[in-house]
Amino acid sequence: MYDYEIYKNRQAELLRRADQERLARQVRQVRRDERRAGRRSGDNDPKGQVNSPRNRFARAA
């Protein structure tokens, strides 16, 4: 009986962990899609990058 309880607890923990990882993956996907949509639309998002690192400094002679 004790082994069965350990088995059920382990199974429940694995299911919880899988749900958490699935939720985190969905959140990352939504954020990625929002960033891509913002780039495509050309919006000047107030949280967006002000300038790119490439044109921050003048070229050397």
N, C-alpha and C. Protein backbone atom coordinates (compact mmCIF):
# COMPACT_ATOMS: atom_id res chain seq x y z
N MET A 1 0.83 -1.19 0.00
CA MET A 1 0.00 0.00 0.00
C MET A 1 0.87 1.25 0.00
N TYR A 2 1.96 1.22 0.74
CA TYR A 2 2.84 2.37 0.82
C TYR A 2 3.46 2.68 -0.54
N ASP A 3 3.87 1.66 -1.29
CA ASP A 3 4.45 1.85 -2.62
C ASP A 3 3.44 2.49 -3.56
N TYR A 4 2.19 2.09 -3.44
CA TYR A 4 1.14 2.64 -4.30
C TYR A 4 0.96 4.14 -4.02
N GLU A 5 1.01 4.55 -2.76
CA GLU A 5 0.88 5.96 -2.41
C GLU A 5 2.04 6.77 -2.96
N ILE A 6 3.25 6.22 -2.87
CA ILE A 6 4.42 6.88 -3.44
C ILE A 6 4.24 7.04 -4.95
N TYR A 7 3.77 5.98 -5.59
CA TYR A 7 3.54 6.00 -7.02
C TYR A 7 2.53 7.09 -7.40
N LYS A 8 1.43 7.18 -6.68
CA LYS A 8 0.38 8.16 -6.98
C LYS A 8 0.89 9.59 -6.73
N ASN A 9 1.66 9.80 -5.67
CA ASN A 9 2.23 11.11 -5.41
C ASN A 9 3.20 11.52 -6.52
N ARG A 10 4.02 10.59 -6.94
CA ARG A 10 4.98 10.86 -8.02
C ARG A 10 4.25 11.17 -9.32
N GLN A 11 3.23 10.43 -9.60
CA GLN A 11 2.44 10.66 -10.80
C GLN A 11 1.78 12.04 -10.77
N ALA A 12 1.23 12.42 -9.64
CA ALA A 12 0.60 13.73 -9.50
C ALA A 12 1.63 14.84 -9.67
N GLU A 13 2.82 14.65 -9.11
CA GLU A 13 3.88 15.65 -9.24
C GLU A 13 4.31 15.80 -10.69
N LEU A 14 4.45 14.70 -11.41
CA LEU A 14 4.83 14.77 -12.81
C LEU A 14 3.76 15.48 -13.64
N LEU A 15 2.50 15.23 -13.34
CA LEU A 15 1.42 15.91 -14.05
C LEU A 15 1.43 17.41 -13.77
N ARG A 16 1.66 17.79 -12.52
CA ARG A 16 1.75 19.22 -12.19
C ARG A 16 2.90 19.89 -12.91
N ARG A 17 4.04 19.22 -12.94
CA ARG A 17 5.22 19.78 -13.61
C ARG A 17 4.98 19.91 -15.11
N ALA A 18 4.34 18.92 -15.70
CA ALA A 18 4.03 18.99 -17.13
C ALA A 18 3.08 20.13 -17.43
N ASP A 19 2.09 20.34 -16.57
CA ASP A 19 1.16 21.46 -16.75
C ASP A 19 1.88 22.80 -16.65
N GLN A 20 2.80 22.93 -15.70
CA GLN A 20 3.55 24.17 -15.54
C GLN A 20 4.42 24.45 -16.77
N GLU A 21 5.08 23.42 -17.26
CA GLU A 21 5.93 23.59 -18.43
C GLU A 21 5.10 23.93 -19.66
N ARG A 22 3.95 23.32 -19.81
CA ARG A 22 3.06 23.61 -20.93
C ARG A 22 2.59 25.06 -20.87
N LEU A 23 2.22 25.52 -19.68
CA LEU A 23 1.77 26.90 -19.52
C LEU A 23 2.91 27.88 -19.83
N ALA A 24 4.10 27.59 -19.36
CA ALA A 24 5.25 28.46 -19.63
C ALA A 24 5.54 28.50 -21.13
N ARG A 25 5.44 27.38 -21.80
CA ARG A 25 5.67 27.33 -23.25
C ARG A 25 4.62 28.17 -23.98
N GLN A 26 3.36 28.09 -23.54
CA GLN A 26 2.30 28.89 -24.17
C GLN A 26 2.54 30.38 -23.96
N VAL A 27 2.97 30.77 -22.76
CA VAL A 27 3.23 32.18 -22.48
C VAL A 27 4.37 32.68 -23.36
N ARG A 28 5.44 31.89 -23.49
CA ARG A 28 6.56 32.29 -24.36
C ARG A 28 6.10 32.45 -25.80
N GLN A 29 5.26 31.54 -26.26
CA GLN A 29 4.77 31.61 -27.64
C GLN A 29 3.92 32.86 -27.86
N VAL A 30 3.05 33.18 -26.91
CA VAL A 30 2.21 34.38 -27.04
C VAL A 30 3.08 35.63 -27.05
N ARG A 31 4.06 35.72 -26.17
CA ARG A 31 4.95 36.89 -26.13
C ARG A 31 5.73 37.02 -27.42
N ARG A 32 6.22 35.89 -27.94
CA ARG A 32 6.97 35.90 -29.19
C ARG A 32 6.07 36.38 -30.34
N ASP A 33 4.84 35.89 -30.38
CA ASP A 33 3.91 36.31 -31.42
C ASP A 33 3.59 37.79 -31.33
N GLU A 34 3.44 38.31 -30.11
CA GLU A 34 3.16 39.74 -29.93
C GLU A 34 4.34 40.59 -30.41
N ARG A 35 5.57 40.16 -30.09
CA ARG A 35 6.74 40.90 -30.56
C ARG A 35 6.80 40.90 -32.09
N ARG A 36 6.56 39.76 -32.69
CA ARG A 36 6.60 39.67 -34.14
C ARG A 36 5.51 40.51 -34.78
N ALA A 37 4.33 40.52 -34.19
CA ALA A 37 3.24 41.33 -34.73
C ALA A 37 3.58 42.81 -34.60
N GLY A 38 4.22 43.21 -33.51
CA GLY A 38 4.62 44.60 -33.33
C GLY A 38 5.65 45.03 -34.35
N ARG A 39 6.57 44.15 -34.69
CA ARG A 39 7.58 44.47 -35.70
C ARG A 39 6.94 44.62 -37.07
N ARG A 40 6.00 43.73 -37.39
CA ARG A 40 5.36 43.77 -38.70
C ARG A 40 4.50 45.01 -38.88
N SER A 41 3.81 45.42 -37.82
CA SER A 41 2.89 46.54 -37.95
C SER A 41 3.62 47.87 -37.99
N GLY A 42 4.86 47.92 -37.57
CA GLY A 42 5.62 49.15 -37.59
C GLY A 42 5.24 50.11 -36.48
N ASP A 43 4.57 49.63 -35.47
CA ASP A 43 4.19 50.50 -34.36
C ASP A 43 5.42 51.01 -33.64
N ASN A 44 5.33 52.23 -33.14
CA ASN A 44 6.38 52.75 -32.28
C ASN A 44 5.95 52.52 -30.85
N ASP A 45 6.20 51.33 -30.40
CA ASP A 45 5.81 50.93 -29.05
C ASP A 45 6.65 51.70 -28.03
N PRO A 46 6.02 52.29 -27.01
CA PRO A 46 6.81 53.03 -26.01
C PRO A 46 7.81 52.15 -25.28
N LYS A 47 7.60 50.87 -25.27
CA LYS A 47 8.54 49.96 -24.61
C LYS A 47 9.57 49.44 -25.58
N GLY A 48 9.48 49.83 -26.84
CA GLY A 48 10.37 49.30 -27.87
C GLY A 48 11.77 49.87 -27.79
N GLN A 49 12.62 49.34 -28.62
CA GLN A 49 14.02 49.76 -28.65
C GLN A 49 14.11 51.14 -29.29
N VAL A 50 14.88 52.04 -28.69
CA VAL A 50 15.00 53.40 -29.18
C VAL A 50 15.90 53.43 -30.40
N ASN A 51 17.05 52.84 -30.31
CA ASN A 51 17.94 52.78 -31.47
C ASN A 51 18.65 51.44 -31.44
N SER A 52 19.16 51.07 -32.58
CA SER A 52 19.83 49.78 -32.63
C SER A 52 21.29 49.94 -32.24
N PRO A 53 21.90 48.91 -31.72
CA PRO A 53 23.31 49.00 -31.33
C PRO A 53 24.24 49.23 -32.53
N ARG A 54 23.80 48.90 -33.74
CA ARG A 54 24.65 49.05 -34.91
C ARG A 54 24.94 50.52 -35.23
N ASN A 55 23.96 51.41 -35.05
CA ASN A 55 24.19 52.80 -35.46
C ASN A 55 24.42 53.71 -34.25
N ARG A 56 24.79 53.18 -33.15
CA ARG A 56 25.01 53.98 -31.96
C ARG A 56 26.29 54.82 -32.06
N PHE A 57 27.33 54.28 -32.67
CA PHE A 57 28.61 54.97 -32.76
C PHE A 57 28.94 55.26 -34.22
N ALA A 58 29.72 56.32 -34.43
CA ALA A 58 30.14 56.67 -35.78
C ALA A 58 31.18 55.66 -36.26
N ARG A 59 31.26 55.53 -37.57
CA ARG A 59 32.25 54.61 -38.14
C ARG A 59 33.65 55.16 -37.97
N ALA A 60 34.58 54.28 -37.79
CA ALA A 60 35.98 54.70 -37.69
C ALA A 60 36.50 55.07 -39.09
N ALA A 61 37.43 56.01 -39.12
CA ALA A 61 37.95 56.46 -40.43
C ALA A 61 38.89 55.44 -41.03
